Amino acid sequence: MAVLIGLSLGVVGNVRAESLLSDDLAIEFKARGDKAIAAGDYAAAVEAYRKGDKIQHHPVFDYNLARALQGLGRYAEALDLIDRFAREASPELKGLVQNLPALIQELRSNVGTLVLEGEPHAARVRGNERELGNYVPGGKIRCNGGPLELEVIAEGFAPIHRHVRIEAEETVTIALKFEHDDQRAILTIRASAVGARVIVDGRNLGQTPLETKLNPGSHRLKLEHADYETLETDLVVSARERRNVSYDLPQRPKLWSKWWFWSGAAAVVAGVVVAGVALSTSKSATPGDIQPGVISAPLVSPR
């Protein structure tokens, strides 16, 4: 088996890759990866090796991919691959790798272990925005040493977030508690007038300032206050959204500014004027034609 050991990271080279691989396309991707590592382009090497490994899996891809990931500082992923290489590679292939035990120890010195415990649920585990695998209660997940932003995502449950510090060559255990996902948005409602009544979709929720939860979608919001005009508006919220909203209530017009006030006032004034005219034109009673004590009718004599 004519194989070259070398390059800056000590990858298994590609003098006669056909002796390791049987698929021409896999051989081509391995050659691309070797060339990228030689140029220090570790990201391109990772992409090429992964494509080749999908076409034809071989321990040589595990080793070379591990060295490329090591170049990117992704020690935990590299260690997983090196361990698999140590298990699956033939003695002849492992014999071509210089100081394999030293390499494994170097990677372990940069890697810690995360153990997640809790109820069994189908969930994905992410750390520092990278996929760390599926959640298995009590299972071990290798992580780079240092700060870790942990996220556990399970369908039907609220995402779990933890800030964790991973110490190299040590184990950190995290207890998880899954809570059913609450899709409602959290809304804080304020108004220019404190104590305005908040009515959403016909339900009285209380007075401003008010924090409430609303289902995703469109809602009809009404704000009422004795000293202001009622305000009505549509409100659309998204799932798990947090939002603060504030409204200026329109001022209620003053009494004397209303048209019906002036119409009523005019009617009152007109009534007063008519009454005044009536009082001013009234006359005293005229004297009668019959003088007191005088009877103009004929007398009737008794029979």
Foldseek 3Di string as FASTA:
>chain_A
DDWDFDAPLGATHPPPCCVFDVDPQLSVLCNQLVVCVNVVNLVSNLVSLVVSCVVPNGLSSLQSNLSSVVSVVFLQSSLVSLVVSVVPPDPVVVVNGPPSVVVNVVSLQFKFKEAEAEDDAFKWKDWPNHTQGTDDHRDITIGGAAWIFIWIDGPQWDIDTDIDGGHRPYYDYDYDDTHGFQFWEKEFEAEPDWFWFKAKQNRTDGTPRDIDTDHAAKIWIWTHDPQFDIDIDIDGDGTHHYYYDYYYTHGDDDQVVDPVSVVVVVVVVVVVVVVVVVVVPDDDDDDDPDDPPDDPDDDDDDD
